[in-house]
C-alpha atoms as a PDB file:
ATOM      1  CA  MET A   1      14.100   6.234 -19.027  1.00  0.00           C
ATOM      2  CA  GLY A   2      11.939   3.173 -18.895  1.00  0.00           C
ATOM      3  CA  SER A   3       8.456   1.852 -19.543  1.00  0.00           C
ATOM      4  CA  ASN A   4       5.313   1.124 -17.952  1.00  0.00           C
ATOM      5  CA  PRO A   5       4.420  -2.602 -18.583  1.00  0.00           C
ATOM      6  CA  ILE A   6       0.419  -2.010 -17.989  1.00  0.00           C
ATOM      7  CA  GLY A   7      -0.085   1.355 -19.270  1.00  0.00           C
ATOM      8  CA  HIS A   8      -2.365   0.245 -21.317  1.00  0.00           C
ATOM      9  CA  LEU A   9      -4.786  -0.133 -17.838  1.00  0.00           C
ATOM     10  CA  GLN A  10      -4.662   3.136 -17.001  1.00  0.00           C
ATOM     11  CA  GLY A  11      -7.813   4.972 -16.413  1.00  0.00           C
ATOM     12  CA  ARG A  12      -9.469   1.578 -17.353  1.00  0.00           C
ATOM     13  CA  TYR A  13     -11.135   1.265 -13.623  1.00  0.00           C
ATOM     14  CA  THR A  14     -13.064   3.729 -11.238  1.00  0.00           C
ATOM     15  CA  THR A  15     -13.743   1.790  -8.418  1.00  0.00           C
ATOM     16  CA  ALA A  16     -13.132  -1.460  -7.286  1.00  0.00           C
ATOM     17  CA  ILE A  17     -15.083  -3.364  -8.741  1.00  0.00           C
ATOM     18  CA  GLY A  18     -13.886  -1.929 -12.059  1.00  0.00           C
ATOM     19  CA  SER A  19      -9.776  -2.904 -10.827  1.00  0.00           C
ATOM     20  CA  LEU A  20     -10.772  -6.670 -10.009  1.00  0.00           C
ATOM     21  CA  ARG A  21     -13.227  -6.399 -13.882  1.00  0.00           C
ATOM     22  CA  VAL A  22      -9.993  -5.617 -15.312  1.00  0.00           C
ATOM     23  CA  LEU A  23      -8.016  -7.936 -13.860  1.00  0.00           C
ATOM     24  CA  ARG A  24      -9.688 -10.290 -14.637  1.00  0.00           C
ATOM     25  CA  ARG A  25     -10.292  -9.567 -18.247  1.00  0.00           C
ATOM     26  CA  GLU A  26      -6.324  -8.681 -18.679  1.00  0.00           C
ATOM     27  CA  PHE A  27      -4.698 -11.690 -16.336  1.00  0.00           C
ATOM     28  CA  GLY A  28      -7.062 -13.869 -15.511  1.00  0.00           C
ATOM     29  CA  THR A  29      -7.024 -14.180 -12.192  1.00  0.00           C
ATOM     30  CA  THR A  30      -8.670 -10.932  -9.175  1.00  0.00           C
ATOM     31  CA  SER A  31      -5.513 -11.683  -7.218  1.00  0.00           C
ATOM     32  CA  ILE A  32      -3.990  -8.378  -7.210  1.00  0.00           C
ATOM     33  CA  SER A  33      -0.563 -10.657  -6.144  1.00  0.00           C
ATOM     34  CA  ASP A  34      -1.194 -13.269  -9.073  1.00  0.00           C
ATOM     35  CA  ALA A  35      -1.291 -10.128 -11.628  1.00  0.00           C
ATOM     36  CA  ILE A  36       1.916  -7.866 -10.411  1.00  0.00           C
ATOM     37  CA  THR A  37       3.232 -11.694 -10.426  1.00  0.00           C
ATOM     38  CA  GLN A  38       2.314 -12.372 -14.277  1.00  0.00           C
ATOM     39  CA  VAL A  39       3.709  -8.799 -15.280  1.00  0.00           C
ATOM     40  CA  MET A  40       6.827  -8.304 -13.098  1.00  0.00           C
ATOM     41  CA  GLY A  41       8.177 -12.147 -11.880  1.00  0.00           C
ATOM     42  CA  GLU A  42       8.278 -14.579  -9.038  1.00  0.00           C
ATOM     43  CA  PRO A  43       7.992 -11.818  -5.749  1.00  0.00           C
ATOM     44  CA  VAL A  44      11.529 -11.685  -3.979  1.00  0.00           C
ATOM     45  CA  PRO A  45      11.450 -11.785   0.092  1.00  0.00           C
ATOM     46  CA  VAL A  46      10.269  -8.469   1.288  1.00  0.00           C
ATOM     47  CA  PRO A  47      13.297  -8.058   2.554  1.00  0.00           C
ATOM     48  CA  MET A  48      15.668  -8.115   0.149  1.00  0.00           C
ATOM     49  CA  ALA A  49      12.902  -5.072  -1.139  1.00  0.00           C
ATOM     50  CA  GLY A  50      14.390  -2.140  -1.914  1.00  0.00           C
ATOM     51  CA  ARG A  51      14.201   1.895  -3.371  1.00  0.00           C
ATOM     52  CA  GLY A  52      11.402   1.544  -5.503  1.00  0.00           C
ATOM     53  CA  ASP A  53      10.697  -1.478  -5.951  1.00  0.00           C
ATOM     54  CA  LEU A  54       7.247  -3.346  -5.334  1.00  0.00           C
ATOM     55  CA  ALA A  55       5.394  -4.189  -2.999  1.00  0.00           C
ATOM     56  CA  LEU A  56       1.746  -5.611  -2.021  1.00  0.00           C
ATOM     57  CA  VAL A  57       0.444  -4.336   1.576  1.00  0.00           C
ATOM     58  CA  ASP A  58      -3.050  -4.123   3.420  1.00  0.00           C
ATOM     59  CA  LEU A  59      -3.913  -0.745   3.284  1.00  0.00           C
ATOM     60  CA  ASP A  60      -7.786  -0.940   5.770  1.00  0.00           C
ATOM     61  CA  GLY A  61      -8.327  -4.415   5.379  1.00  0.00           C
ATOM     62  CA  THR A  62      -7.593  -3.678   1.565  1.00  0.00           C
ATOM     63  CA  GLN A  63      -4.395  -5.580  -0.627  1.00  0.00           C
ATOM     64  CA  CYS A  64      -2.773  -3.395  -1.997  1.00  0.00           C
ATOM     65  CA  VAL A  65       0.358  -2.266  -4.724  1.00  0.00           C
ATOM     66  CA  GLY A  66       2.669   0.519  -3.259  1.00  0.00           C
ATOM     67  CA  THR A  67       6.665   1.830  -4.134  1.00  0.00           C
ATOM     68  CA  VAL A  68       8.986   1.193  -1.903  1.00  0.00           C
ATOM     69  CA  ASP A  69      10.646   4.552  -0.991  1.00  0.00           C
ATOM     70  CA  LEU A  70      13.615   6.434  -1.080  1.00  0.00           C
ATOM     71  CA  SER A  71      14.771   5.683   2.739  1.00  0.00           C
ATOM     72  CA  GLY A  72      14.892   2.174   1.858  1.00  0.00           C
ATOM     73  CA  GLU A  73      12.020   1.200   5.027  1.00  0.00           C
ATOM     74  CA  ARG A  74       8.601   2.659   4.527  1.00  0.00           C
ATOM     75  CA  VAL A  75       6.556   1.856   0.616  1.00  0.00           C
ATOM     76  CA  ALA A  76       3.804   4.057  -0.617  1.00  0.00           C
ATOM     77  CA  ALA A  77       1.125   2.728  -1.148  1.00  0.00           C
ATOM     78  CA  ILE A  78      -2.798   5.147  -2.197  1.00  0.00           C
ATOM     79  CA  GLY A  79      -5.507   3.717  -0.061  1.00  0.00           C
ATOM     80  CA  LEU A  80      -8.875   4.610   0.288  1.00  0.00           C
ATOM     81  CA  TYR A  81      -7.565   8.245   2.207  1.00  0.00           C
ATOM     82  CA  GLY A  82      -4.924   8.919  -0.631  1.00  0.00           C
ATOM     83  CA  LEU A  83      -1.424   8.161   0.083  1.00  0.00           C
ATOM     84  CA  GLU A  84      -0.278   6.386   2.774  1.00  0.00           C
ATOM     85  CA  TYR A  85       2.834   5.480   3.620  1.00  0.00           C
ATOM     86  CA  VAL A  86       3.417   1.691   5.884  1.00  0.00           C
ATOM     87  CA  THR A  87       6.792   0.652   7.190  1.00  0.00           C
ATOM     88  CA  LEU A  88       8.550  -2.316   4.635  1.00  0.00           C
ATOM     89  CA  SER A  89       7.688  -4.753   7.075  1.00  0.00           C
ATOM     90  CA  ALA A  90       4.668  -5.658   7.024  1.00  0.00           C
ATOM     91  CA  ALA A  91       4.047  -6.402   2.974  1.00  0.00           C
ATOM     92  CA  THR A  92       2.571  -9.657   2.373  1.00  0.00           C
ATOM     93  CA  ALA A  93       4.862  -9.325  -0.730  1.00  0.00           C
ATOM     94  CA  ALA A  94       7.578  -7.440  -2.349  1.00  0.00           C
ATOM     95  CA  TRP A  95       8.315  -7.765  -6.892  1.00  0.00           C
ATOM     96  CA  LYS A  96      12.475  -5.968  -8.280  1.00  0.00           C
ATOM     97  CA  VAL A  97      11.554  -3.198 -11.026  1.00  0.00           C
END
């Protein structure tokens, strides 16, 4: 089984502002893309992302990180209204897991 390189951050925030504070404290940035790059390495071209990889998507005007689903064509991410799916082609960045 794999490891969770950011598991120590789970439960440390409950609001969007709280998440920005954690990003700034832990990674020195408020950019979710920059923080993920620090943990996962450089992003790959979105078309190279596959099942289980991470992808940055826009949900209701907010940048969210989701996981490429089993079809390899959609990204599942938690938005303001719960779990949402968007097409992988809508992603702006991706990281291999």
